[in-house]
Amino acid sequence: MHGAPKYGPDFSHFDYVNPDAPKGGMLRLAVVANGYDSFNPFVLKGIGAAGIQTYAYDSLLVASADEPFSMYGLIAESMETPEDRSYVTFNINPDARFSDGEPITAEDVAYTFKLLTEEGHPFYRSYYSEVSKVTVEDKLKVRFDFGDTKNHELPLILGQMPVLPKHYWENHDFEGSGLSVPVSSGPYTIDNFEAGRSVTYKRNPDYWAKDLPVNVGRDNFDAIRYDYYSDDTVALEAFKAGNYDFRVESSAKNWATAYTGDALKSGKIKKENIEHERPAGMQAFVFNTRKAPLNNAKVRQALAYGFDFDWANRNLFYNQYTRTQSYFENSELASSGLPSKAELELLEPYRDQIPPEVFTKEYHPPSTTGDHTLRDNLRTAMKLLKEAGYEIRDGKMVNAKTGKPLGFEILIWQKTFERVVLPFKQNLAKLGIDVDVRLVDTNQYIQRVRNFEFDVVVQSLAQSNSPGNEQRDYWDSSNADRAGSRNTIGVNDPVVDALVSKIIQAPDRESLITRTRALDRVLLWGHYVIPQWYLGVDRVAYWHQLQRPETTPSGGIDPRDWWMTPDTGK
């Protein structure tokens, strides 16, 4: 994205893989969800099968995991773009093939773009919105023109596009494909499945790209199987019993107390904290600002004083977590202190449109450390709610004008999260606020969030080291009411829109950092979320037959780089 890529034209493999890793065995994984009903992950309808996009589809280019944003040839063997990046031309590798052996052509790429933007998930329409024209120049050359834009990221964004077979989808219903096994383009194909319960991918023995430098040392398993579990406690016990091989632990309590038994004692199960350098993003209680009273920033700010992270970290999480204080946490993109001179130059034109605290205070979420107590925080919340037009009547917090009680619902899909949410509910009850906690299955949760049918949810707003076009999907007003967008919050602010555009148009890394920090400040002081916590390591448990490379890239672990020792492989 900025500067020269790390790997030169003659590189043989990425530094973080083992080029001599043996091939073989089956990697067994688990998914905690209520099944799936589709093998098409590119549409809004349905729940896609785990792993389908990762293992069954290739893109024009592929990113390296140890750079902020550099991409290398995969389906496209080369690309051409001018200095102003006003267009990009992809030259398709003449050896590229779909899983049925048909060649991948420029026509397939152009067809994929049209299919995704017209019939695919609404995300694609937004993500590729600045493409003005697509031209098939010959059988293996396709050009994308970008019109009047300064978005230098677009050539890389188009490089991320998966490539779908025109000869297949012309004869199938893209939006309603269900569990029809599609023709794909990646290293694996669907081998067998039990609808909603499991899916197994097998390595395509005729995969054309297995010896490309970007694939050397990767995709080492002959097969990859996902089994579905409706409950995480059951899934953990199944892992310890040897029913699957690899697990990333999300529960601090489990990590501290549940990994016991003979397999752990004997070393058959390995348990590691593996450090990474990727941005943590923002895990938080996320408000739906489309709904009253959560459309009132003062109310949202007040509610944050009812969440006692410090108590939860001590009593629930064994002090494993750090409080999140930025949408770009754990990266150089995160704001801190007061705005720099460069940030002030960006923010000054909007002084009358954004909270004054953006200029005068460093953002910190409410805390109960030091001299601060929960009682102090609840007093502050009471004061803010009074300023927002609320008062206590008969023990209930109500709107002073209408008498309507203040209350909302927190929607969750993980039962283990009840122990976090219920103390928050109890703290708010002390303010006379009624909170309902609704536990639903994963499919219902996904559909309700997609359609913004919630008050508050717990979400992780993931970020990369190179923010760009995807920021529109998170924050831009054009996506505030578009079902399926990542603007879950409903942010609808012209200042945010302007700052997102500036990030997308950043000419160099230094300006990208400055502009991202400025956006971070405006979002934080908008009180759109109650920040929770992050972890600077991956908590990983795996059975001893799995091996991993000595080098872990800054982006963290990826099972696609692991392998199974031949003598114990399953």
Protein backbone atom coordinates (compact mmCIF):
# COMPACT_ATOMS: atom_id res chain seq x y z
CA MET A 1 0.00 0.00 0.00
CA HIS A 2 2.81 2.43 0.97
CA GLY A 3 6.44 1.90 -0.04
CA ALA A 4 8.03 -1.23 -1.44
CA PRO A 5 6.75 -4.73 -0.60
CA LYS A 6 8.86 -6.89 1.68
CA TYR A 7 9.22 -9.79 -0.74
CA GLY A 8 11.03 -9.30 -4.06
CA PRO A 9 10.16 -10.84 -7.44
CA ASP A 10 12.32 -13.90 -6.81
CA PHE A 11 11.05 -14.86 -3.34
CA SER A 12 10.41 -18.56 -2.86
CA HIS A 13 8.08 -18.51 0.18
CA PHE A 14 6.87 -16.29 3.00
CA ASP A 15 9.23 -16.06 5.99
CA TYR A 16 6.63 -17.35 8.45
CA VAL A 17 6.00 -20.75 6.81
CA ASN A 18 7.95 -24.01 6.80
CA PRO A 19 8.65 -24.71 3.12
CA ASP A 20 9.47 -28.33 4.00
CA ALA A 21 6.28 -28.98 5.96
CA PRO A 22 4.97 -32.47 5.19
CA LYS A 23 1.58 -32.88 3.54
CA GLY A 24 -1.06 -35.19 4.93
CA GLY A 25 -3.58 -35.88 7.66
CA MET A 26 -6.94 -34.34 8.52
CA LEU A 27 -7.27 -31.16 10.57
CA ARG A 28 -10.43 -31.35 12.67
CA LEU A 29 -11.95 -28.07 13.87
CA ALA A 30 -15.04 -27.04 15.81
CA VAL A 31 -17.67 -24.35 15.29
CA VAL A 32 -19.99 -23.25 18.08
CA ALA A 33 -23.13 -22.34 16.16
CA ASN A 34 -26.55 -23.70 15.26
CA GLY A 35 -25.51 -25.12 11.92
CA TYR A 36 -25.37 -23.67 8.40
CA ASP A 37 -27.65 -23.76 5.38
CA SER A 38 -25.54 -22.48 2.48
CA PHE A 39 -22.37 -23.09 0.50
CA ASN A 40 -22.51 -19.56 -0.87
CA PRO A 41 -20.79 -17.13 1.54
CA PHE A 42 -21.13 -14.20 -0.87
CA VAL A 43 -24.82 -13.39 -0.37
CA LEU A 44 -26.90 -11.94 2.46
CA LYS A 45 -29.31 -14.86 2.52
CA GLY A 46 -28.51 -17.88 4.66
CA ILE A 47 -25.66 -18.92 6.96
CA GLY A 48 -22.50 -19.96 5.12
CA ALA A 49 -20.64 -23.14 6.02
CA ALA A 50 -17.49 -22.63 8.08
CA GLY A 51 -14.31 -22.47 6.03
CA ILE A 52 -16.00 -22.26 2.64
CA GLN A 53 -14.56 -18.90 1.61
CA THR A 54 -11.15 -19.51 3.20
CA TYR A 55 -10.43 -22.90 1.69
CA ALA A 56 -12.55 -23.17 -1.45
CA TYR A 57 -11.96 -19.81 -3.11
CA ASP A 58 -8.86 -18.01 -4.32
CA SER A 59 -8.54 -14.30 -5.05
CA LEU A 60 -6.60 -12.42 -7.70
CA LEU A 61 -3.88 -11.52 -5.19
CA VAL A 62 -3.04 -12.75 -1.70
CA ALA A 63 -1.85 -10.73 1.30
CA SER A 64 1.22 -11.51 3.36
CA ALA A 65 0.73 -11.76 7.12
CA ASP A 66 3.88 -9.85 8.12
CA GLU A 67 3.21 -6.50 6.38
CA PRO A 68 0.51 -3.86 6.94
CA PHE A 69 -0.96 -4.29 3.44
CA SER A 70 1.04 -5.84 0.62
CA MET A 71 -0.35 -8.35 -1.86
CA TYR A 72 1.26 -10.84 -4.21
CA GLY A 73 0.15 -12.69 -7.32
CA LEU A 74 -2.19 -15.67 -7.11
CA ILE A 75 -4.83 -15.99 -9.84
CA ALA A 76 -3.31 -12.84 -11.33
CA GLU A 77 0.34 -13.44 -12.21
CA SER A 78 0.95 -9.69 -12.57
CA MET A 79 -0.81 -6.35 -12.38
CA GLU A 80 -0.35 -2.92 -13.91
CA THR A 81 -1.34 0.36 -12.28
CA PRO A 82 -0.17 3.96 -12.89
CA GLU A 83 1.37 6.18 -10.24
CA ASP A 84 -1.99 7.82 -9.49
CA ARG A 85 -3.62 4.35 -9.27
CA SER A 86 -6.55 5.51 -11.38
CA TYR A 87 -6.93 2.02 -12.82
CA VAL A 88 -5.57 -1.48 -12.43
CA THR A 89 -5.09 -4.21 -15.00
CA PHE A 90 -4.81 -7.83 -13.88
CA ASN A 91 -3.05 -10.38 -16.05
CA ILE A 92 -4.46 -13.82 -15.30
CA ASN A 93 -2.02 -16.69 -14.88
CA PRO A 94 -2.55 -18.90 -17.95
CA ASP A 95 -2.30 -21.99 -15.72
CA ALA A 96 -5.15 -20.86 -13.43
CA ARG A 97 -8.01 -23.36 -13.23
CA PHE A 98 -11.31 -23.82 -11.40
CA SER A 99 -11.95 -27.00 -9.43
CA ASP A 100 -13.60 -28.65 -12.44
CA GLY A 101 -10.51 -28.04 -14.57
CA GLU A 102 -11.97 -25.17 -16.62
CA PRO A 103 -9.52 -22.27 -17.18
CA ILE A 104 -9.96 -19.04 -15.23
CA THR A 105 -10.28 -16.13 -17.65
CA ALA A 106 -10.66 -12.38 -17.61
CA GLU A 107 -14.33 -12.91 -18.45
CA ASP A 108 -14.74 -14.82 -15.17
CA VAL A 109 -13.22 -11.90 -13.25
CA ALA A 110 -15.52 -9.35 -14.89
CA TYR A 111 -18.51 -11.64 -14.36
CA THR A 112 -17.60 -12.08 -10.68
CA PHE A 113 -17.50 -8.31 -10.19
CA LYS A 114 -20.93 -7.91 -11.78
CA LEU A 115 -22.39 -10.84 -9.83
CA LEU A 116 -21.10 -9.65 -6.44
CA THR A 117 -22.13 -6.02 -6.90
CA GLU A 118 -25.59 -6.78 -8.33
CA GLU A 119 -26.67 -9.95 -6.51
CA GLY A 120 -24.11 -10.46 -3.73
CA HIS A 121 -23.99 -9.27 -0.14
CA PRO A 122 -24.58 -5.48 0.02
CA PHE A 123 -21.05 -5.14 1.39
CA TYR A 124 -19.60 -5.70 -2.08
CA ARG A 125 -21.70 -2.96 -3.64
CA SER A 126 -20.27 -0.51 -1.13
CA TYR A 127 -16.73 -1.88 -1.13
CA TYR A 128 -16.35 -1.68 -4.91
CA SER A 129 -18.49 1.44 -5.41
CA GLU A 130 -15.67 3.55 -6.83
CA VAL A 131 -15.07 1.26 -9.80
CA SER A 132 -16.40 3.16 -12.82
CA LYS A 133 -15.76 0.63 -15.60
CA VAL A 134 -14.65 -2.97 -16.14
CA THR A 135 -13.09 -3.93 -19.46
CA VAL A 136 -12.10 -7.39 -20.67
CA GLU A 137 -9.11 -6.56 -22.85
CA ASP A 138 -8.35 -10.12 -23.91
CA LYS A 139 -8.78 -13.67 -22.64
CA LEU A 140 -6.31 -13.17 -19.76
CA LYS A 141 -6.40 -9.39 -19.18
CA VAL A 142 -9.06 -7.39 -17.34
CA ARG A 143 -8.98 -3.70 -16.46
CA PHE A 144 -10.80 -1.79 -13.70
CA ASP A 145 -11.08 2.00 -14.01
CA PHE A 146 -11.78 4.08 -10.92
CA GLY A 147 -13.04 7.39 -12.25
CA ASP A 148 -12.53 10.60 -10.27
CA THR A 149 -11.14 9.28 -7.00
CA LYS A 150 -7.97 9.51 -4.96
CA ASN A 151 -8.39 6.11 -3.34
CA HIS A 152 -4.93 4.57 -3.81
CA GLU A 153 -6.07 1.38 -2.10
CA LEU A 154 -8.43 0.32 -4.90
CA PRO A 155 -5.93 -1.85 -6.87
CA LEU A 156 -5.31 -3.90 -3.72
CA ILE A 157 -9.01 -4.01 -2.87
CA LEU A 158 -9.81 -5.44 -6.28
CA GLY A 159 -6.97 -7.90 -5.75
CA GLN A 160 -8.85 -9.30 -2.73
CA MET A 161 -11.83 -10.23 -4.89
CA PRO A 162 -12.57 -13.97 -5.03
CA VAL A 163 -13.02 -15.31 -8.55
CA LEU A 164 -16.20 -17.24 -9.37
CA PRO A 165 -16.84 -19.41 -12.46
CA LYS A 166 -19.13 -17.81 -15.03
CA HIS A 167 -19.88 -21.16 -16.67
CA TYR A 168 -21.29 -22.47 -13.37
CA TRP A 169 -23.22 -19.50 -11.99
CA GLU A 170 -24.88 -18.65 -15.30
CA ASN A 171 -26.88 -21.85 -14.80
CA HIS A 172 -27.49 -21.61 -11.04
CA ASP A 173 -29.41 -19.29 -8.72
CA PHE A 174 -26.71 -17.23 -7.01
CA GLU A 175 -28.91 -15.84 -4.23
CA GLY A 176 -30.68 -19.11 -3.48
CA SER A 177 -27.96 -21.69 -4.05
CA GLY A 178 -28.42 -23.41 -0.68
CA LEU A 179 -26.40 -26.59 -0.27
CA SER A 180 -25.62 -27.22 -3.92
CA VAL A 181 -21.88 -27.95 -4.06
CA PRO A 182 -20.38 -25.19 -6.25
CA VAL A 183 -17.46 -25.15 -8.65
CA SER A 184 -14.73 -23.25 -6.79
CA SER A 185 -11.20 -21.93 -7.28
CA GLY A 186 -9.23 -22.63 -4.10
CA PRO A 187 -6.92 -25.37 -2.81
CA TYR A 188 -9.79 -27.43 -1.32
CA THR A 189 -13.17 -28.66 -2.50
CA ILE A 190 -16.16 -29.89 -0.54
CA ASP A 191 -15.74 -33.62 0.04
CA ASN A 192 -18.79 -34.51 2.11
CA PHE A 193 -21.16 -32.87 4.55
CA GLU A 194 -24.01 -33.49 6.94
CA ALA A 195 -26.30 -30.51 6.55
CA GLY A 196 -25.88 -28.10 9.44
CA ARG A 197 -23.72 -30.52 11.46
CA SER A 198 -20.40 -30.97 9.68
CA VAL A 199 -18.54 -30.21 6.49
CA THR A 200 -15.29 -31.73 5.20
CA TYR A 201 -13.00 -30.18 2.60
CA LYS A 202 -10.45 -32.26 0.73
CA ARG A 203 -7.31 -31.03 -0.96
CA ASN A 204 -7.78 -30.71 -4.71
CA PRO A 205 -5.05 -32.98 -6.16
CA ASP A 206 -5.12 -30.94 -9.37
CA TYR A 207 -4.86 -27.54 -7.67
CA TRP A 208 -2.83 -25.54 -10.15
CA ALA A 209 -1.27 -23.03 -7.70
CA LYS A 210 0.20 -25.35 -5.07
CA ASP A 211 3.80 -24.52 -6.03
CA LEU A 212 3.43 -20.75 -6.32
CA PRO A 213 5.66 -18.89 -3.78
CA VAL A 214 2.59 -17.57 -1.93
CA ASN A 215 1.41 -21.15 -1.32
CA VAL A 216 4.67 -22.96 -0.51
CA GLY A 217 4.47 -24.32 3.05
CA ARG A 218 0.74 -23.63 3.32
CA ASP A 219 -2.43 -25.74 3.14
CA ASN A 220 -0.62 -28.83 4.34
CA PHE A 221 -3.58 -31.01 5.36
CA ASP A 222 -5.16 -33.53 3.02
CA ALA A 223 -8.54 -32.75 4.54
CA ILE A 224 -10.14 -30.19 6.89
CA ARG A 225 -13.30 -31.04 8.81
CA TYR A 226 -15.57 -28.70 10.78
CA ASP A 227 -17.99 -30.13 13.34
CA TYR A 228 -20.77 -27.95 14.75
CA TYR A 229 -21.54 -27.72 18.46
CA SER A 230 -24.46 -25.80 19.89
CA ASP A 231 -22.71 -25.22 23.23
CA ASP A 232 -19.14 -24.13 23.92
CA THR A 233 -18.87 -26.17 27.14
CA VAL A 234 -19.67 -29.31 25.17
CA ALA A 235 -17.21 -28.26 22.48
CA LEU A 236 -14.41 -27.84 25.04
CA GLU A 237 -15.05 -31.28 26.50
CA ALA A 238 -15.05 -32.74 22.99
CA PHE A 239 -11.66 -31.14 22.36
CA LYS A 240 -10.17 -32.60 25.54
CA ALA A 241 -11.56 -36.00 24.54
CA GLY A 242 -9.69 -35.81 21.24
CA ASN A 243 -12.67 -35.22 18.95
CA TYR A 244 -10.96 -32.29 17.25
CA ASP A 245 -7.41 -30.98 17.08
CA PHE A 246 -7.14 -27.21 17.45
CA ARG A 247 -8.88 -24.60 19.57
CA VAL A 248 -8.52 -20.86 20.08
CA GLU A 249 -9.87 -20.16 23.57
CA SER A 250 -12.05 -17.06 23.98
CA SER A 251 -12.94 -17.55 27.65
CA ALA A 252 -10.52 -16.37 30.33
CA LYS A 253 -12.21 -18.60 32.89
CA ASN A 254 -11.82 -21.66 30.68
CA TRP A 255 -8.18 -20.83 30.02
CA ALA A 256 -7.47 -20.51 33.74
CA THR A 257 -9.48 -23.45 35.07
CA ALA A 258 -10.90 -25.83 32.45
CA TYR A 259 -7.81 -27.21 30.69
CA THR A 260 -7.27 -30.22 32.93
CA GLY A 261 -7.03 -33.98 32.52
CA ASP A 262 -4.56 -36.66 31.52
CA ALA A 263 -4.01 -35.33 27.99
CA LEU A 264 -2.88 -31.98 29.41
CA LYS A 265 -0.69 -33.59 32.08
CA SER A 266 1.00 -35.94 29.62
CA GLY A 267 1.66 -33.21 27.06
CA LYS A 268 -0.62 -34.69 24.42
CA ILE A 269 -2.47 -31.39 24.47
CA LYS A 270 -0.29 -28.30 24.21
CA LYS A 271 -1.48 -25.00 25.64
CA GLU A 272 0.22 -21.78 24.54
CA ASN A 273 -0.11 -18.01 24.69
CA ILE A 274 1.20 -16.92 21.28
CA GLU A 275 1.97 -13.22 20.98
CA HIS A 276 0.82 -11.21 17.98
CA GLU A 277 1.04 -7.60 16.81
CA ARG A 278 -2.27 -7.21 15.02
CA PRO A 279 -4.69 -4.42 16.00
CA ALA A 280 -7.19 -5.55 18.59
CA GLY A 281 -9.97 -3.36 17.23
CA MET A 282 -12.92 -2.65 19.53
CA GLN A 283 -14.80 -5.30 21.47
CA ALA A 284 -17.67 -3.56 23.17
CA PHE A 285 -21.29 -3.24 24.13
CA VAL A 286 -22.53 -1.73 20.87
CA PHE A 287 -25.52 0.62 20.89
CA ASN A 288 -28.12 0.71 18.12
CA THR A 289 -28.37 4.50 17.78
CA ARG A 290 -31.35 4.20 15.44
CA LYS A 291 -33.53 3.61 18.51
CA ALA A 292 -34.57 5.97 21.30
CA PRO A 293 -33.28 6.56 23.92
CA LEU A 294 -29.99 5.14 22.59
CA ASN A 295 -29.95 7.87 19.95
CA ASN A 296 -29.06 10.26 22.79
CA ALA A 297 -25.27 10.48 23.27
CA LYS A 298 -25.68 11.69 26.86
CA VAL A 299 -27.71 8.56 27.71
CA ARG A 300 -25.10 6.33 26.07
CA GLN A 301 -22.33 8.06 28.01
CA ALA A 302 -24.24 7.58 31.26
CA LEU A 303 -24.79 3.86 30.68
CA ALA A 304 -21.04 3.33 30.34
CA TYR A 305 -20.62 4.24 34.00
CA GLY A 306 -22.61 1.14 34.94
CA PHE A 307 -20.08 -1.28 33.47
CA ASP A 308 -17.34 -2.18 35.98
CA PHE A 309 -14.54 -3.67 33.88
CA ASP A 310 -12.04 -3.66 36.75
CA TRP A 311 -14.34 -5.80 38.91
CA ALA A 312 -14.99 -8.18 36.01
CA ASN A 313 -11.29 -8.51 35.23
CA ARG A 314 -10.49 -9.41 38.85
CA ASN A 315 -13.43 -11.66 39.56
CA LEU A 316 -14.27 -13.20 36.20
CA PHE A 317 -11.18 -13.02 33.99
CA TYR A 318 -8.28 -13.77 36.35
CA ASN A 319 -6.74 -10.39 35.42
CA GLN A 320 -5.95 -11.61 31.91
CA TYR A 321 -7.33 -8.62 30.00
CA THR A 322 -6.48 -4.98 29.32
CA ARG A 323 -9.17 -2.33 28.93
CA THR A 324 -9.81 -1.22 25.36
CA GLN A 325 -9.46 2.53 24.86
CA SER A 326 -9.43 2.88 21.07
CA TYR A 327 -11.20 1.56 18.00
CA PHE A 328 -7.69 0.74 16.72
CA GLU A 329 -6.35 -0.69 19.99
CA ASN A 330 -2.94 -2.36 20.11
CA SER A 331 -1.61 -0.48 17.07
CA GLU A 332 0.12 2.76 16.11
CA LEU A 333 -3.22 3.89 14.66
CA ALA A 334 -4.77 4.32 18.12
CA SER A 335 -5.23 7.86 19.44
CA SER A 336 -3.69 8.81 22.78
CA GLY A 337 -3.06 11.96 24.77
CA LEU A 338 -4.30 15.19 23.20
CA PRO A 339 -4.47 15.67 19.42
CA SER A 340 -1.17 16.33 17.66
CA LYS A 341 -0.65 19.42 15.54
CA ALA A 342 -1.38 17.42 12.39
CA GLU A 343 -4.56 15.99 13.92
CA LEU A 344 -5.70 19.46 15.00
CA GLU A 345 -5.31 20.72 11.45
CA LEU A 346 -7.66 17.95 10.33
CA LEU A 347 -10.18 18.44 13.13
CA GLU A 348 -10.31 22.24 13.40
CA PRO A 349 -12.73 22.76 10.46
CA TYR A 350 -15.26 20.58 12.31
CA ARG A 351 -14.89 22.15 15.77
CA ASP A 352 -18.54 23.25 15.90
CA GLN A 353 -19.80 19.82 14.80
CA ILE A 354 -17.99 17.47 17.19
CA PRO A 355 -17.84 17.15 20.99
CA PRO A 356 -15.45 19.71 22.56
CA GLU A 357 -13.74 16.91 24.50
CA VAL A 358 -12.13 15.80 21.22
CA PHE A 359 -9.85 18.83 21.54
CA THR A 360 -9.44 19.05 25.31
CA LYS A 361 -9.41 15.57 26.88
CA GLU A 362 -7.78 12.19 26.42
CA TYR A 363 -10.48 9.54 26.18
CA HIS A 364 -10.66 6.94 28.95
CA PRO A 365 -13.69 4.72 29.61
CA PRO A 366 -15.08 4.84 33.17
CA SER A 367 -12.94 2.96 35.68
CA THR A 368 -13.08 1.81 39.29
CA THR A 369 -9.33 1.88 39.90
CA GLY A 370 -7.58 4.24 42.31
CA ASP A 371 -9.93 6.67 44.00
CA HIS A 372 -12.84 5.84 41.68
CA THR A 373 -15.55 3.52 42.97
CA LEU A 374 -18.65 2.10 41.34
CA ARG A 375 -20.73 4.32 43.60
CA ASP A 376 -18.88 7.37 42.29
CA ASN A 377 -19.50 6.23 38.72
CA LEU A 378 -23.21 5.69 39.31
CA ARG A 379 -23.45 9.22 40.74
CA THR A 380 -21.86 10.52 37.55
CA ALA A 381 -24.32 8.47 35.49
CA MET A 382 -27.23 9.91 37.49
CA LYS A 383 -26.01 13.44 36.77
CA LEU A 384 -25.66 12.75 33.04
CA LEU A 385 -29.12 11.20 32.86
CA LYS A 386 -30.61 14.24 34.57
CA GLU A 387 -28.92 16.43 31.94
CA ALA A 388 -30.45 14.16 29.29
CA GLY A 389 -33.95 14.78 30.68
CA TYR A 390 -34.45 11.83 33.02
CA GLU A 391 -35.42 11.56 36.67
CA ILE A 392 -36.26 8.96 39.29
CA ARG A 393 -39.96 8.29 39.97
CA ASP A 394 -41.04 5.46 42.26
CA GLY A 395 -37.61 3.91 41.98
CA LYS A 396 -37.59 3.94 38.16
CA MET A 397 -35.57 6.09 35.80
CA VAL A 398 -38.08 7.80 33.52
CA ASN A 399 -38.23 10.52 30.90
CA ALA A 400 -39.12 13.66 32.83
CA LYS A 401 -41.53 14.84 30.08
CA THR A 402 -43.22 11.61 28.98
CA GLY A 403 -42.83 9.45 32.06
CA LYS A 404 -41.59 6.58 29.88
CA PRO A 405 -39.20 4.26 31.79
CA LEU A 406 -35.62 3.98 30.59
CA GLY A 407 -34.85 0.40 29.59
CA PHE A 408 -33.37 -1.70 26.81
CA GLU A 409 -32.46 -5.24 25.78
CA ILE A 410 -28.99 -6.75 25.47
CA LEU A 411 -28.97 -9.45 22.82
CA ILE A 412 -26.36 -12.24 23.17
CA TRP A 413 -25.73 -15.65 21.61
CA GLN A 414 -23.04 -17.00 23.96
CA LYS A 415 -24.38 -18.31 27.24
CA THR A 416 -20.95 -17.82 28.82
CA PHE A 417 -21.38 -14.06 28.32
CA GLU A 418 -24.28 -13.95 30.78
CA ARG A 419 -21.77 -13.72 33.65
CA VAL A 420 -20.48 -10.46 32.13
CA VAL A 421 -23.84 -8.97 31.22
CA LEU A 422 -25.76 -9.77 34.42
CA PRO A 423 -23.51 -7.69 36.77
CA PHE A 424 -23.87 -4.79 34.29
CA LYS A 425 -27.66 -5.25 34.44
CA GLN A 426 -27.55 -5.23 38.26
CA ASN A 427 -25.49 -2.04 38.35
CA LEU A 428 -27.93 -0.26 36.05
CA ALA A 429 -30.84 -1.50 38.17
CA LYS A 430 -29.41 0.65 40.98
CA LEU A 431 -30.14 3.62 38.71
CA GLY A 432 -33.70 2.46 38.14
CA ILE A 433 -32.92 1.25 34.62
CA ASP A 434 -34.54 -1.99 33.42
CA VAL A 435 -32.31 -4.22 31.28
CA ASP A 436 -33.51 -7.42 29.65
CA VAL A 437 -30.88 -9.97 28.65
CA ARG A 438 -32.01 -12.07 25.69
CA LEU A 439 -30.07 -15.24 24.79
CA VAL A 440 -30.82 -16.49 21.27
CA ASP A 441 -29.31 -19.07 18.93
CA THR A 442 -26.58 -17.99 16.53
CA ASN A 443 -28.75 -18.01 13.42
CA GLN A 444 -31.40 -15.80 15.01
CA TYR A 445 -28.67 -13.53 16.37
CA ILE A 446 -27.08 -13.12 12.94
CA GLN A 447 -30.40 -12.30 11.29
CA ARG A 448 -31.42 -9.78 13.95
CA VAL A 449 -28.08 -7.99 13.81
CA ARG A 450 -28.14 -7.96 10.00
CA ASN A 451 -31.53 -6.24 10.11
CA PHE A 452 -30.68 -3.96 13.09
CA GLU A 453 -33.40 -5.56 15.24
CA PHE A 454 -31.67 -5.04 18.58
CA ASP A 455 -30.93 -2.44 21.25
CA VAL A 456 -27.48 -3.48 22.45
CA VAL A 457 -25.20 -6.32 21.34
CA VAL A 458 -21.68 -7.43 22.19
CA GLN A 459 -19.51 -7.15 19.09
CA SER A 460 -15.89 -7.10 18.03
CA LEU A 461 -15.23 -4.40 15.45
CA ALA A 462 -12.06 -5.81 13.90
CA GLN A 463 -9.41 -3.58 12.31
CA SER A 464 -6.29 -4.06 10.23
CA ASN A 465 -2.97 -2.24 10.18
CA SER A 466 -4.01 -0.56 6.95
CA PRO A 467 -7.53 0.87 7.30
CA GLY A 468 -9.14 2.01 4.09
CA ASN A 469 -12.28 1.25 2.08
CA GLU A 470 -13.79 -1.00 4.75
CA GLN A 471 -14.10 2.02 7.05
CA ARG A 472 -17.05 3.14 4.92
CA ASP A 473 -18.88 -0.05 5.76
CA TYR A 474 -18.28 0.51 9.47
CA TRP A 475 -19.07 4.21 9.83
CA ASP A 476 -20.33 5.94 6.68
CA SER A 477 -23.86 7.35 6.73
CA SER A 478 -24.58 5.67 3.37
CA ASN A 479 -24.47 2.33 5.19
CA ALA A 480 -26.33 3.35 8.35
CA ASP A 481 -29.62 1.82 7.19
CA ARG A 482 -28.35 -0.78 4.72
CA ALA A 483 -29.24 -4.25 6.00
CA GLY A 484 -26.16 -6.42 6.42
CA SER A 485 -23.68 -3.55 6.61
CA ARG A 486 -21.05 -3.42 9.33
CA ASN A 487 -22.39 -0.04 10.45
CA THR A 488 -24.17 -1.90 13.24
CA ILE A 489 -24.19 1.22 15.38
CA GLY A 490 -26.00 3.35 12.80
CA VAL A 491 -23.34 6.09 12.75
CA ASN A 492 -24.76 8.93 10.65
CA ASP A 493 -22.41 11.89 10.96
CA PRO A 494 -21.05 14.09 8.13
CA VAL A 495 -17.81 14.66 10.06
CA VAL A 496 -17.22 10.92 10.31
CA ASP A 497 -18.01 10.59 6.60
CA ALA A 498 -15.43 13.27 5.79
CA LEU A 499 -12.72 11.70 7.97
CA VAL A 500 -13.34 8.26 6.48
CA SER A 501 -12.89 9.74 3.00
CA LYS A 502 -9.61 11.33 4.11
CA ILE A 503 -8.36 7.97 5.41
CA ILE A 504 -9.19 6.31 2.11
CA GLN A 505 -7.34 9.06 0.23
CA ALA A 506 -4.26 9.11 2.50
CA PRO A 507 -1.19 9.52 0.24
CA ASP A 508 1.33 7.93 2.64
CA ARG A 509 1.65 5.98 5.87
CA GLU A 510 2.23 9.06 8.06
CA SER A 511 -0.94 10.77 6.90
CA LEU A 512 -2.89 7.50 7.22
CA ILE A 513 -1.89 7.25 10.88
CA THR A 514 -2.80 10.90 11.56
CA ARG A 515 -6.19 10.64 9.87
CA THR A 516 -7.06 7.36 11.57
CA ARG A 517 -6.23 8.78 14.99
CA ALA A 518 -8.46 11.78 14.27
CA LEU A 519 -11.35 9.49 13.32
CA ASP A 520 -10.71 7.41 16.43
CA ARG A 521 -11.12 10.47 18.67
CA VAL A 522 -14.40 11.52 17.07
CA LEU A 523 -15.83 8.00 17.37
CA LEU A 524 -14.73 7.62 20.99
CA TRP A 525 -16.28 10.89 22.10
CA GLY A 526 -19.48 9.98 20.23
CA HIS A 527 -20.06 7.36 22.96
CA TYR A 528 -21.30 4.80 20.44
CA VAL A 529 -20.03 1.85 22.47
CA ILE A 530 -18.97 0.81 25.95
CA PRO A 531 -15.42 -0.50 25.44
CA GLN A 532 -14.63 -3.90 26.93
CA TRP A 533 -11.19 -5.53 26.73
CA TYR A 534 -8.51 -7.06 24.55
CA LEU A 535 -5.71 -9.60 24.72
CA GLY A 536 -2.31 -9.23 23.06
CA VAL A 537 -1.91 -12.99 22.64
CA ASP A 538 -3.76 -15.86 21.01
CA ARG A 539 -4.73 -18.49 23.58
CA VAL A 540 -4.25 -21.70 21.63
CA ALA A 541 -4.64 -25.33 22.62
CA TYR A 542 -3.87 -28.16 20.21
CA TRP A 543 -3.12 -31.87 20.13
CA HIS A 544 0.55 -32.84 19.93
CA GLN A 545 0.40 -34.21 16.38
CA LEU A 546 -0.01 -30.64 15.11
CA GLN A 547 3.13 -28.63 14.46
CA ARG A 548 3.54 -24.93 13.74
CA PRO A 549 6.26 -22.79 12.13
CA GLU A 550 8.98 -21.31 14.33
CA THR A 551 8.12 -17.78 13.19
CA THR A 552 4.77 -16.24 13.99
CA PRO A 553 3.92 -13.28 11.73
CA SER A 554 2.69 -9.97 13.12
CA GLY A 555 -0.82 -10.94 12.07
CA GLY A 556 -0.79 -13.92 14.44
CA ILE A 557 -1.25 -17.65 13.94
CA ASP A 558 -2.99 -19.22 10.96
CA PRO A 559 -3.74 -22.98 10.85
CA ARG A 560 -3.17 -22.86 7.09
CA ASP A 561 0.55 -22.68 7.91
CA TRP A 562 0.51 -25.66 10.31
CA TRP A 563 1.01 -29.34 9.54
CA MET A 564 0.59 -32.76 11.03
CA THR A 565 3.51 -35.05 11.86
CA PRO A 566 3.30 -38.08 9.54
CA ASP A 567 3.80 -40.72 12.23
CA THR A 568 0.81 -39.57 14.32
CA GLY A 569 -1.37 -37.99 11.66
CA LYS A 570 -5.00 -38.92 11.57
